[in-house]
Amino acid sequence: MGSDEKGLWKDVIESKYGVWSPTNSFASNQMRYKSRWWNDLTKVSLSDQGDNWFNPNMVWQLRSGEKIKFWEDEWLVNGQLKGRYARLYNNSEFKDKTIDNFGRWSTEGWEWKFSWRREWFEWEKTIVEDFMESISQVSLHPGKEDLRVWNDPPTYIFSVKSAYNKLANQISGGVPGMFEYLWNLKVMPSTQFYVWRALSDRIATK
């Protein structure tokens, strides 16, 4: 749902259960038809009320930069720029802006442009140079929407096998521990069974 912006199936789901966002899952104050099964499913995999294993395994695929927050979102390989370059973040005049606000298009392409609260000390300039080098190879694509994709390179396509492996690695105790965690969740048994079938690749999709 983070990448298929105009899918009919997404419109149907959101019309009934609310609007999905990368950080808040399904958030809406106008959910007239709340499904306990759906709420439990999102709790298992998406919402902040549960373990939230799904969202951390999604990454941004940069295109226009209109949706991705420059400092706070993870859109580079080495994580948030906010954490990696904390000194630069603190000195930035714009902390919560999206990527497209940190530059402009010219005849030669995209040019980065930053507004700092003060001038840099000499010893800080090395950090700034490293920062500029880390973003210099990034290409923006105007007119194309940024996407949230499953973090499984090189295809970045979600698969049951990939999700299974990520959960198995995340939960201590390996595979047995993962299922023990699932069965101990306080959600409807039908939801637990559905997730178990998905992780076991036992859902008929053909």
N, C-alpha and C. Protein backbone atom coordinates (compact mmCIF):
# COMPACT_ATOMS: atom_id res chain seq x y z
N MET A 1 0.82 -1.21 0.00
CA MET A 1 0.00 0.00 0.00
C MET A 1 0.85 1.26 0.00
N GLY A 2 2.14 1.10 0.34
CA GLY A 2 3.00 2.26 0.33
C GLY A 2 3.51 2.60 -1.05
N SER A 3 3.40 1.67 -2.00
CA SER A 3 3.97 1.92 -3.32
C SER A 3 2.92 1.99 -4.43
N ASP A 4 1.79 1.31 -4.26
CA ASP A 4 0.77 1.32 -5.31
C ASP A 4 -0.20 2.47 -5.04
N GLU A 5 0.21 3.69 -5.43
CA GLU A 5 -0.53 4.88 -5.06
C GLU A 5 -1.93 4.95 -5.64
N LYS A 6 -2.14 4.40 -6.84
CA LYS A 6 -3.41 4.57 -7.51
C LYS A 6 -4.13 3.26 -7.77
N GLY A 7 -3.82 2.25 -7.00
CA GLY A 7 -4.47 0.96 -7.20
C GLY A 7 -5.91 0.97 -6.73
N LEU A 8 -6.80 0.35 -7.49
CA LEU A 8 -8.20 0.29 -7.12
C LEU A 8 -8.39 -0.45 -5.81
N TRP A 9 -7.61 -1.54 -5.63
CA TRP A 9 -7.72 -2.32 -4.40
C TRP A 9 -7.38 -1.46 -3.18
N LYS A 10 -6.42 -0.53 -3.35
CA LYS A 10 -6.04 0.35 -2.25
C LYS A 10 -7.17 1.32 -1.92
N ASP A 11 -7.84 1.84 -2.95
CA ASP A 11 -8.96 2.76 -2.73
C ASP A 11 -10.06 2.08 -1.95
N VAL A 12 -10.32 0.81 -2.27
CA VAL A 12 -11.38 0.06 -1.58
C VAL A 12 -11.03 -0.14 -0.11
N ILE A 13 -9.78 -0.57 0.15
CA ILE A 13 -9.33 -0.81 1.53
C ILE A 13 -9.40 0.48 2.34
N GLU A 14 -8.88 1.59 1.78
CA GLU A 14 -8.84 2.83 2.53
C GLU A 14 -10.22 3.43 2.75
N SER A 15 -11.14 3.18 1.82
CA SER A 15 -12.49 3.72 1.98
C SER A 15 -13.20 3.05 3.16
N LYS A 16 -12.80 1.83 3.47
CA LYS A 16 -13.46 1.11 4.55
C LYS A 16 -12.69 1.18 5.87
N TYR A 17 -11.35 1.10 5.78
CA TYR A 17 -10.55 1.00 7.00
C TYR A 17 -9.75 2.24 7.35
N GLY A 18 -9.67 3.21 6.44
CA GLY A 18 -8.91 4.41 6.74
C GLY A 18 -7.72 4.56 5.81
N VAL A 19 -7.04 5.69 5.96
CA VAL A 19 -5.92 6.01 5.09
C VAL A 19 -4.62 5.50 5.69
N TRP A 20 -3.84 4.85 4.85
CA TRP A 20 -2.56 4.29 5.28
C TRP A 20 -1.46 5.31 5.11
N SER A 21 -0.54 5.37 6.09
CA SER A 21 0.66 6.20 5.95
C SER A 21 1.85 5.36 6.37
N PRO A 22 3.05 5.65 5.86
CA PRO A 22 4.23 4.85 6.15
C PRO A 22 4.57 4.75 7.61
N THR A 23 4.23 5.77 8.41
CA THR A 23 4.62 5.77 9.81
C THR A 23 3.47 5.47 10.76
N ASN A 24 2.23 5.70 10.32
CA ASN A 24 1.09 5.55 11.22
C ASN A 24 0.12 4.45 10.80
N SER A 25 0.54 3.63 9.85
CA SER A 25 -0.31 2.55 9.37
C SER A 25 -1.65 3.09 8.89
N PHE A 26 -2.75 2.52 9.40
CA PHE A 26 -4.07 2.99 9.00
C PHE A 26 -4.57 3.97 10.06
N ALA A 27 -4.55 5.25 9.69
CA ALA A 27 -4.94 6.28 10.65
C ALA A 27 -6.10 7.08 10.09
N SER A 28 -7.22 7.01 10.76
CA SER A 28 -8.37 7.78 10.30
C SER A 28 -9.36 7.93 11.44
N ASN A 29 -9.95 9.10 11.53
CA ASN A 29 -10.98 9.35 12.54
C ASN A 29 -12.36 9.07 11.99
N GLN A 30 -12.42 8.63 10.74
CA GLN A 30 -13.71 8.42 10.09
C GLN A 30 -13.92 6.96 9.71
N MET A 31 -13.34 6.07 10.49
CA MET A 31 -13.50 4.64 10.21
C MET A 31 -14.86 4.16 10.72
N ARG A 32 -15.81 4.13 9.84
CA ARG A 32 -17.18 3.78 10.23
C ARG A 32 -17.33 2.28 10.42
N TYR A 33 -16.54 1.51 9.67
CA TYR A 33 -16.69 0.06 9.72
C TYR A 33 -15.39 -0.57 10.21
N LYS A 34 -15.27 -0.63 11.50
CA LYS A 34 -14.05 -1.20 12.06
C LYS A 34 -14.14 -2.72 12.08
N SER A 35 -13.14 -3.34 11.51
CA SER A 35 -13.07 -4.79 11.51
C SER A 35 -12.08 -5.23 12.57
N ARG A 36 -12.54 -6.04 13.49
CA ARG A 36 -11.64 -6.51 14.53
C ARG A 36 -10.53 -7.35 13.93
N TRP A 37 -10.88 -8.14 12.92
CA TRP A 37 -9.88 -8.97 12.25
C TRP A 37 -8.82 -8.10 11.59
N TRP A 38 -9.24 -7.02 10.91
CA TRP A 38 -8.29 -6.13 10.23
C TRP A 38 -7.44 -5.37 11.24
N ASN A 39 -8.05 -4.91 12.33
CA ASN A 39 -7.30 -4.21 13.37
C ASN A 39 -6.23 -5.10 13.97
N ASP A 40 -6.59 -6.37 14.19
CA ASP A 40 -5.62 -7.31 14.74
C ASP A 40 -4.49 -7.59 13.76
N LEU A 41 -4.85 -7.67 12.48
CA LEU A 41 -3.83 -7.94 11.46
C LEU A 41 -2.82 -6.80 11.39
N THR A 42 -3.32 -5.55 11.44
CA THR A 42 -2.41 -4.41 11.41
C THR A 42 -1.60 -4.31 12.70
N LYS A 43 -2.18 -4.78 13.80
CA LYS A 43 -1.45 -4.78 15.06
C LYS A 43 -0.28 -5.74 15.01
N VAL A 44 -0.50 -6.88 14.37
CA VAL A 44 0.56 -7.88 14.24
C VAL A 44 1.70 -7.36 13.39
N SER A 45 1.37 -6.64 12.32
CA SER A 45 2.41 -6.31 11.34
C SER A 45 2.71 -4.84 11.14
N LEU A 46 1.79 -3.92 11.50
CA LEU A 46 1.99 -2.53 11.12
C LEU A 46 2.00 -1.53 12.26
N SER A 47 0.99 -1.56 13.10
CA SER A 47 0.79 -0.42 13.99
C SER A 47 1.81 -0.35 15.11
N ASP A 48 1.87 0.84 15.73
CA ASP A 48 2.78 1.06 16.85
C ASP A 48 2.34 0.32 18.10
N GLN A 49 1.12 -0.24 18.10
CA GLN A 49 0.64 -0.97 19.26
C GLN A 49 1.27 -2.36 19.34
N GLY A 50 1.70 -2.87 18.22
CA GLY A 50 2.27 -4.21 18.20
C GLY A 50 3.77 -4.16 18.11
N ASP A 51 4.36 -5.21 17.60
CA ASP A 51 5.80 -5.29 17.48
C ASP A 51 6.32 -4.41 16.35
N ASN A 52 5.44 -4.08 15.42
CA ASN A 52 5.78 -3.20 14.30
C ASN A 52 7.00 -3.70 13.55
N TRP A 53 6.96 -4.93 13.11
CA TRP A 53 8.10 -5.51 12.39
C TRP A 53 8.07 -5.16 10.91
N PHE A 54 6.91 -4.76 10.40
CA PHE A 54 6.77 -4.53 8.96
C PHE A 54 7.41 -3.21 8.52
N ASN A 55 7.02 -2.10 9.16
CA ASN A 55 7.51 -0.79 8.75
C ASN A 55 9.03 -0.66 8.74
N PRO A 56 9.74 -1.18 9.76
CA PRO A 56 11.20 -1.06 9.72
C PRO A 56 11.83 -1.81 8.55
N ASN A 57 11.10 -2.72 7.94
CA ASN A 57 11.62 -3.46 6.79
C ASN A 57 11.18 -2.84 5.45
N MET A 58 10.64 -1.63 5.53
CA MET A 58 10.30 -0.87 4.33
C MET A 58 11.31 0.27 4.19
N VAL A 59 11.69 0.59 2.97
CA VAL A 59 12.62 1.69 2.73
C VAL A 59 12.06 2.61 1.66
N TRP A 60 12.55 3.83 1.66
CA TRP A 60 12.13 4.80 0.66
C TRP A 60 12.92 4.61 -0.62
N GLN A 61 12.24 4.72 -1.74
CA GLN A 61 12.87 4.74 -3.05
C GLN A 61 12.70 6.15 -3.59
N LEU A 62 13.80 6.88 -3.62
CA LEU A 62 13.76 8.30 -3.97
C LEU A 62 13.46 8.54 -5.44
N ARG A 63 12.50 9.45 -5.66
CA ARG A 63 12.19 9.89 -7.03
C ARG A 63 12.14 11.42 -7.06
N SER A 64 10.99 11.99 -6.77
CA SER A 64 10.89 13.46 -6.81
C SER A 64 11.34 14.10 -5.50
N GLY A 65 11.32 13.36 -4.41
CA GLY A 65 11.71 13.90 -3.11
C GLY A 65 10.63 14.71 -2.43
N GLU A 66 9.39 14.61 -2.94
CA GLU A 66 8.30 15.42 -2.38
C GLU A 66 7.65 14.80 -1.15
N LYS A 67 7.92 13.55 -0.88
CA LYS A 67 7.31 12.87 0.26
C LYS A 67 8.30 12.54 1.37
N ILE A 68 9.57 12.47 1.03
CA ILE A 68 10.59 12.01 1.97
C ILE A 68 11.19 13.16 2.74
N LYS A 69 11.17 13.07 4.07
CA LYS A 69 11.78 14.10 4.90
C LYS A 69 13.30 13.95 4.85
N PHE A 70 13.98 15.03 4.51
CA PHE A 70 15.41 14.98 4.26
C PHE A 70 16.20 14.45 5.46
N TRP A 71 15.95 15.00 6.63
CA TRP A 71 16.74 14.63 7.80
C TRP A 71 16.20 13.42 8.54
N GLU A 72 14.90 13.25 8.57
CA GLU A 72 14.29 12.27 9.49
C GLU A 72 14.01 10.90 8.87
N ASP A 73 13.76 10.84 7.58
CA ASP A 73 13.46 9.55 6.95
C ASP A 73 14.73 8.85 6.50
N GLU A 74 14.64 7.53 6.39
CA GLU A 74 15.78 6.74 5.93
C GLU A 74 15.68 6.55 4.42
N TRP A 75 16.46 7.30 3.70
CA TRP A 75 16.43 7.22 2.24
C TRP A 75 17.82 6.97 1.66
N LEU A 76 18.81 6.92 2.53
CA LEU A 76 20.16 6.55 2.14
C LEU A 76 20.54 5.24 2.82
N VAL A 77 21.56 4.60 2.32
CA VAL A 77 21.96 3.28 2.83
C VAL A 77 22.32 3.32 4.31
N ASN A 78 22.95 4.38 4.75
CA ASN A 78 23.47 4.43 6.12
C ASN A 78 22.51 5.02 7.14
N GLY A 79 21.22 5.01 6.84
CA GLY A 79 20.23 5.44 7.82
C GLY A 79 19.91 6.93 7.78
N GLN A 80 19.30 7.42 8.86
CA GLN A 80 18.86 8.81 8.93
C GLN A 80 20.04 9.77 8.91
N LEU A 81 19.91 10.83 8.15
CA LEU A 81 20.93 11.88 8.16
C LEU A 81 20.91 12.62 9.49
N LYS A 82 19.76 12.66 10.11
CA LYS A 82 19.61 13.33 11.40
C LYS A 82 20.54 12.72 12.44
N GLY A 83 20.69 11.42 12.42
CA GLY A 83 21.55 10.75 13.39
C GLY A 83 23.00 10.73 12.96
N ARG A 84 23.23 10.54 11.68
CA ARG A 84 24.59 10.43 11.16
C ARG A 84 25.31 11.77 11.17
N TYR A 85 24.57 12.86 10.90
CA TYR A 85 25.15 14.19 10.89
C TYR A 85 24.37 15.09 11.85
N ALA A 86 24.41 14.74 13.13
CA ALA A 86 23.63 15.44 14.14
C ALA A 86 24.01 16.92 14.24
N ARG A 87 25.29 17.22 14.08
CA ARG A 87 25.73 18.60 14.19
C ARG A 87 25.16 19.45 13.05
N LEU A 88 25.12 18.89 11.86
CA LEU A 88 24.55 19.60 10.72
C LEU A 88 23.04 19.76 10.88
N TYR A 89 22.42 18.72 11.39
CA TYR A 89 20.97 18.76 11.61
C TYR A 89 20.62 19.88 12.59
N ASN A 90 21.36 19.99 13.67
CA ASN A 90 21.08 21.02 14.66
C ASN A 90 21.31 22.42 14.11
N ASN A 91 22.17 22.54 13.12
CA ASN A 91 22.48 23.85 12.55
C ASN A 91 21.60 24.20 11.35
N SER A 92 20.77 23.26 10.94
CA SER A 92 19.91 23.49 9.78
C SER A 92 18.70 24.34 10.16
N GLU A 93 18.34 25.27 9.30
CA GLU A 93 17.17 26.10 9.55
C GLU A 93 15.87 25.35 9.29
N PHE A 94 15.96 24.31 8.47
CA PHE A 94 14.76 23.54 8.13
C PHE A 94 14.99 22.08 8.52
N LYS A 95 14.31 21.65 9.58
CA LYS A 95 14.55 20.31 10.10
C LYS A 95 13.51 19.29 9.67
N ASP A 96 12.32 19.75 9.30
CA ASP A 96 11.25 18.80 8.99
C ASP A 96 10.77 18.91 7.55
N LYS A 97 11.59 19.47 6.69
CA LYS A 97 11.20 19.63 5.29
C LYS A 97 11.54 18.39 4.47
N THR A 98 10.83 18.25 3.35
CA THR A 98 11.09 17.13 2.45
C THR A 98 12.30 17.44 1.56
N ILE A 99 12.82 16.42 0.91
CA ILE A 99 14.06 16.54 0.14
C ILE A 99 13.98 17.63 -0.92
N ASP A 100 12.83 17.77 -1.57
CA ASP A 100 12.73 18.74 -2.67
C ASP A 100 12.86 20.19 -2.20
N ASN A 101 12.86 20.43 -0.87
CA ASN A 101 13.04 21.77 -0.34
C ASN A 101 14.50 22.12 -0.11
N PHE A 102 15.40 21.19 -0.37
CA PHE A 102 16.82 21.41 -0.10
C PHE A 102 17.62 21.57 -1.39
N GLY A 103 17.05 22.19 -2.37
CA GLY A 103 17.76 22.42 -3.61
C GLY A 103 16.85 22.99 -4.67
N ARG A 104 17.36 23.01 -5.89
CA ARG A 104 16.57 23.55 -7.00
C ARG A 104 17.06 22.94 -8.31
N TRP A 105 16.19 23.01 -9.31
CA TRP A 105 16.56 22.51 -10.63
C TRP A 105 17.16 23.63 -11.46
N SER A 106 18.22 23.29 -12.18
CA SER A 106 18.85 24.24 -13.09
C SER A 106 19.01 23.57 -14.46
N THR A 107 19.61 24.28 -15.38
CA THR A 107 19.83 23.70 -16.72
C THR A 107 20.77 22.51 -16.67
N GLU A 108 21.56 22.41 -15.60
CA GLU A 108 22.51 21.31 -15.46
C GLU A 108 21.97 20.18 -14.59
N GLY A 109 20.75 20.34 -14.08
CA GLY A 109 20.16 19.31 -13.24
C GLY A 109 19.89 19.80 -11.84
N TRP A 110 19.83 18.87 -10.90
CA TRP A 110 19.50 19.20 -9.52
C TRP A 110 20.73 19.76 -8.80
N GLU A 111 20.53 20.86 -8.05
CA GLU A 111 21.60 21.47 -7.27
C GLU A 111 21.16 21.57 -5.81
N TRP A 112 21.96 21.02 -4.90
CA TRP A 112 21.64 21.09 -3.48
C TRP A 112 21.85 22.51 -2.97
N LYS A 113 20.97 22.94 -2.07
CA LYS A 113 21.10 24.27 -1.48
C LYS A 113 20.58 24.20 -0.04
N PHE A 114 21.44 24.60 0.92
CA PHE A 114 21.09 24.50 2.34
C PHE A 114 21.15 25.87 3.01
N SER A 115 20.31 26.03 4.02
CA SER A 115 20.30 27.24 4.82
C SER A 115 20.73 26.89 6.24
N TRP A 116 21.88 27.42 6.65
CA TRP A 116 22.43 27.12 7.97
C TRP A 116 22.20 28.29 8.91
N ARG A 117 22.07 27.99 10.18
CA ARG A 117 21.82 29.02 11.19
C ARG A 117 23.06 29.85 11.48
N ARG A 118 24.22 29.30 11.27
CA ARG A 118 25.47 30.01 11.51
C ARG A 118 26.54 29.49 10.56
N GLU A 119 27.66 30.20 10.51
CA GLU A 119 28.80 29.77 9.70
C GLU A 119 29.49 28.58 10.37
N TRP A 120 30.17 27.78 9.57
CA TRP A 120 30.85 26.60 10.10
C TRP A 120 32.24 26.94 10.63
N PHE A 121 32.60 26.28 11.76
CA PHE A 121 33.96 26.39 12.25
C PHE A 121 34.86 25.61 11.30
N GLU A 122 36.13 25.91 11.33
CA GLU A 122 37.07 25.25 10.44
C GLU A 122 37.05 23.73 10.62
N TRP A 123 37.04 23.28 11.86
CA TRP A 123 37.09 21.83 12.11
C TRP A 123 35.80 21.13 11.70
N GLU A 124 34.70 21.89 11.54
CA GLU A 124 33.42 21.31 11.13
C GLU A 124 33.32 21.12 9.62
N LYS A 125 34.15 21.84 8.88
CA LYS A 125 34.05 21.82 7.42
C LYS A 125 34.34 20.43 6.84
N THR A 126 35.15 19.65 7.54
CA THR A 126 35.41 18.28 7.09
C THR A 126 34.14 17.45 7.14
N ILE A 127 33.33 17.66 8.18
CA ILE A 127 32.06 16.95 8.32
C ILE A 127 31.11 17.36 7.20
N VAL A 128 31.09 18.67 6.89
CA VAL A 128 30.22 19.17 5.83
C VAL A 128 30.63 18.57 4.49
N GLU A 129 31.93 18.47 4.24
CA GLU A 129 32.42 17.90 2.99
C GLU A 129 32.01 16.43 2.86
N ASP A 130 32.10 15.70 3.96
CA ASP A 130 31.69 14.29 3.95
C ASP A 130 30.19 14.17 3.71
N PHE A 131 29.44 15.07 4.31
CA PHE A 131 27.99 15.12 4.14
C PHE A 131 27.61 15.37 2.67
N MET A 132 28.24 16.37 2.06
CA MET A 132 27.94 16.70 0.68
C MET A 132 28.34 15.56 -0.26
N GLU A 133 29.42 14.88 0.06
CA GLU A 133 29.84 13.76 -0.77
C GLU A 133 28.85 12.61 -0.69
N SER A 134 28.27 12.41 0.50
CA SER A 134 27.34 11.29 0.69
C SER A 134 26.04 11.48 -0.07
N ILE A 135 25.66 12.73 -0.37
CA ILE A 135 24.40 12.97 -1.08
C ILE A 135 24.63 13.39 -2.54
N SER A 136 25.89 13.56 -2.92
CA SER A 136 26.19 14.09 -4.25
C SER A 136 25.83 13.12 -5.38
N GLN A 137 25.81 11.81 -5.07
CA GLN A 137 25.53 10.83 -6.10
C GLN A 137 24.04 10.53 -6.25
N VAL A 138 23.22 11.18 -5.44
CA VAL A 138 21.77 10.93 -5.45
C VAL A 138 21.13 11.64 -6.65
N SER A 139 20.23 10.94 -7.31
CA SER A 139 19.53 11.51 -8.46
C SER A 139 18.05 11.66 -8.15
N LEU A 140 17.50 12.83 -8.42
CA LEU A 140 16.07 13.07 -8.27
C LEU A 140 15.40 12.98 -9.64
N HIS A 141 14.13 12.59 -9.62
CA HIS A 141 13.38 12.42 -10.86
C HIS A 141 12.08 13.21 -10.75
N PRO A 142 12.03 14.41 -11.29
CA PRO A 142 10.83 15.25 -11.17
C PRO A 142 9.61 14.62 -11.82
N GLY A 143 8.47 14.80 -11.16
CA GLY A 143 7.22 14.27 -11.71
C GLY A 143 6.93 12.84 -11.34
N LYS A 144 7.86 12.17 -10.64
CA LYS A 144 7.64 10.79 -10.23
C LYS A 144 7.53 10.71 -8.72
N GLU A 145 6.55 9.95 -8.22
CA GLU A 145 6.29 9.89 -6.79
C GLU A 145 7.30 9.00 -6.08
N ASP A 146 7.71 9.43 -4.88
CA ASP A 146 8.56 8.60 -4.04
C ASP A 146 7.78 7.36 -3.61
N LEU A 147 8.49 6.25 -3.48
CA LEU A 147 7.83 4.99 -3.15
C LEU A 147 8.38 4.38 -1.88
N ARG A 148 7.51 3.66 -1.17
CA ARG A 148 7.95 2.82 -0.06
C ARG A 148 8.00 1.40 -0.58
N VAL A 149 9.14 0.76 -0.47
CA VAL A 149 9.31 -0.59 -1.01
C VAL A 149 9.86 -1.52 0.06
N TRP A 150 9.65 -2.81 -0.17
CA TRP A 150 10.14 -3.85 0.75
C TRP A 150 11.67 -3.92 0.66
N ASN A 151 12.33 -3.90 1.81
CA ASN A 151 13.79 -3.87 1.85
C ASN A 151 14.39 -5.25 1.61
N ASP A 152 14.34 -5.67 0.37
CA ASP A 152 14.91 -6.95 -0.03
C ASP A 152 15.58 -6.79 -1.40
N PRO A 153 16.78 -6.17 -1.40
CA PRO A 153 17.47 -5.96 -2.68
C PRO A 153 17.89 -7.30 -3.30
N PRO A 154 18.04 -7.36 -4.63
CA PRO A 154 17.98 -6.22 -5.55
C PRO A 154 16.59 -5.94 -6.10
N THR A 155 15.61 -6.82 -5.86
CA THR A 155 14.29 -6.65 -6.48
C THR A 155 13.40 -5.69 -5.70
N TYR A 156 13.57 -5.64 -4.38
CA TYR A 156 12.74 -4.81 -3.50
C TYR A 156 11.26 -5.18 -3.63
N ILE A 157 11.00 -6.46 -3.86
CA ILE A 157 9.64 -6.96 -3.98
C ILE A 157 9.33 -7.85 -2.77
N PHE A 158 8.16 -7.62 -2.16
CA PHE A 158 7.78 -8.41 -1.00
C PHE A 158 7.53 -9.86 -1.37
N SER A 159 8.00 -10.76 -0.53
CA SER A 159 7.72 -12.18 -0.69
C SER A 159 7.53 -12.78 0.69
N VAL A 160 6.76 -13.84 0.76
CA VAL A 160 6.52 -14.52 2.03
C VAL A 160 7.83 -15.05 2.60
N LYS A 161 8.68 -15.59 1.74
CA LYS A 161 9.96 -16.14 2.18
C LYS A 161 10.83 -15.07 2.81
N SER A 162 10.86 -13.89 2.19
CA SER A 162 11.67 -12.81 2.73
C SER A 162 11.14 -12.35 4.09
N ALA A 163 9.82 -12.19 4.20
CA ALA A 163 9.22 -11.78 5.48
C ALA A 163 9.47 -12.82 6.55
N TYR A 164 9.37 -14.08 6.18
CA TYR A 164 9.62 -15.18 7.12
C TYR A 164 11.05 -15.10 7.66
N ASN A 165 12.01 -14.91 6.76
CA ASN A 165 13.41 -14.85 7.16
C ASN A 165 13.70 -13.65 8.05
N LYS A 166 13.07 -12.50 7.75
CA LYS A 166 13.29 -11.31 8.55
C LYS A 166 12.72 -11.49 9.96
N LEU A 167 11.54 -12.09 10.05
CA LEU A 167 10.95 -12.34 11.36
C LEU A 167 11.77 -13.34 12.16
N ALA A 168 12.24 -14.37 11.48
CA ALA A 168 13.04 -15.40 12.15
C ALA A 168 14.32 -14.81 12.70
N ASN A 169 14.92 -13.88 11.98
CA ASN A 169 16.16 -13.24 12.43
C ASN A 169 15.90 -12.23 13.53
N GLN A 170 14.72 -11.62 13.51
CA GLN A 170 14.40 -10.57 14.46
C GLN A 170 14.06 -11.11 15.84
N ILE A 171 13.36 -12.21 15.87
CA ILE A 171 12.88 -12.75 17.14
C ILE A 171 13.87 -13.79 17.65
N SER A 172 14.36 -13.62 18.84
CA SER A 172 15.34 -14.55 19.41
C SER A 172 14.74 -15.93 19.54
N GLY A 173 15.57 -16.93 19.35
CA GLY A 173 15.09 -18.30 19.44
C GLY A 173 14.80 -18.90 18.09
N GLY A 174 15.00 -18.10 17.00
CA GLY A 174 14.80 -18.67 15.66
C GLY A 174 13.35 -18.89 15.35
N VAL A 175 13.08 -19.84 14.46
CA VAL A 175 11.73 -20.11 13.99
C VAL A 175 10.78 -20.53 15.10
N PRO A 176 11.15 -21.46 16.00
CA PRO A 176 10.23 -21.83 17.08
C PRO A 176 9.81 -20.63 17.91
N GLY A 177 10.78 -19.73 18.22
CA GLY A 177 10.47 -18.55 19.01
C GLY A 177 9.51 -17.62 18.29
N MET A 178 9.64 -17.56 16.97
CA MET A 178 8.78 -16.69 16.19
C MET A 178 7.33 -17.13 16.30
N PHE A 179 7.08 -18.42 16.17
CA PHE A 179 5.71 -18.91 16.24
C PHE A 179 5.16 -18.83 17.67
N GLU A 180 6.04 -19.01 18.64
CA GLU A 180 5.61 -18.88 20.02
C GLU A 180 5.14 -17.45 20.28
N TYR A 181 5.89 -16.50 19.72
CA TYR A 181 5.51 -15.09 19.82
C TYR A 181 4.16 -14.86 19.17
N LEU A 182 3.96 -15.43 17.99
CA LEU A 182 2.70 -15.25 17.26
C LEU A 182 1.52 -15.80 18.04
N TRP A 183 1.65 -17.02 18.57
CA TRP A 183 0.53 -17.65 19.26
C TRP A 183 0.22 -16.99 20.60
N ASN A 184 1.17 -16.24 21.15
CA ASN A 184 0.94 -15.57 22.43
C ASN A 184 0.34 -14.17 22.28
N LEU A 185 0.21 -13.69 21.04
CA LEU A 185 -0.39 -12.38 20.81
C LEU A 185 -1.86 -12.40 21.21
N LYS A 186 -2.32 -11.32 21.80
CA LYS A 186 -3.71 -11.22 22.22
C LYS A 186 -4.56 -10.66 21.09
N VAL A 187 -4.74 -11.47 20.06
CA VAL A 187 -5.57 -11.12 18.92
C VAL A 187 -6.49 -12.31 18.62
N MET A 188 -7.40 -12.13 17.70
CA MET A 188 -8.33 -13.19 17.37
C MET A 188 -7.58 -14.41 16.82
N PRO A 189 -7.99 -15.62 17.20
CA PRO A 189 -7.34 -16.83 16.69
C PRO A 189 -7.34 -16.91 15.17
N SER A 190 -8.41 -16.40 14.53
CA SER A 190 -8.46 -16.45 13.07
C SER A 190 -7.35 -15.61 12.46
N THR A 191 -7.01 -14.50 13.13
CA THR A 191 -5.92 -13.64 12.65
C THR A 191 -4.58 -14.35 12.80
N GLN A 192 -4.39 -14.98 13.97
CA GLN A 192 -3.15 -15.73 14.19
C GLN A 192 -2.99 -16.83 13.14
N PHE A 193 -4.08 -17.51 12.86
CA PHE A 193 -4.03 -18.60 11.90
C PHE A 193 -3.70 -18.08 10.50
N TYR A 194 -4.28 -16.93 10.15
CA TYR A 194 -4.02 -16.36 8.82
C TYR A 194 -2.54 -15.98 8.69
N VAL A 195 -1.98 -15.32 9.72
CA VAL A 195 -0.58 -14.93 9.67
C VAL A 195 0.31 -16.16 9.61
N TRP A 196 -0.07 -17.19 10.38
CA TRP A 196 0.71 -18.44 10.37
C TRP A 196 0.70 -19.05 8.97
N ARG A 197 -0.45 -19.05 8.31
CA ARG A 197 -0.54 -19.59 6.95
C ARG A 197 0.31 -18.78 5.98
N ALA A 198 0.30 -17.43 6.16
CA ALA A 198 1.10 -16.57 5.28
C ALA A 198 2.59 -16.85 5.46
N LEU A 199 3.02 -16.96 6.71
CA LEU A 199 4.44 -17.23 6.98
C LEU A 199 4.85 -18.62 6.54
N SER A 200 3.90 -19.52 6.52
CA SER A 200 4.18 -20.90 6.10
C SER A 200 3.96 -21.11 4.61
N ASP A 201 3.62 -20.03 3.90
CA ASP A 201 3.38 -20.09 2.46
C ASP A 201 2.27 -21.08 2.13
N ARG A 202 1.18 -20.99 2.88
CA ARG A 202 0.05 -21.93 2.69
C ARG A 202 -1.23 -21.22 2.27
N ILE A 203 -1.09 -20.02 1.73
CA ILE A 203 -2.26 -19.30 1.25
C ILE A 203 -2.36 -19.51 -0.27
N ALA A 204 -3.51 -19.98 -0.72
CA ALA A 204 -3.70 -20.23 -2.14
C ALA A 204 -3.81 -18.92 -2.89
N THR A 205 -2.85 -18.64 -3.76
CA THR A 205 -2.85 -17.39 -4.52
C THR A 205 -2.88 -17.62 -6.02
N LYS A 206 -2.98 -18.85 -6.44
CA LYS A 206 -3.01 -19.16 -7.86
C LYS A 206 -4.34 -19.79 -8.27
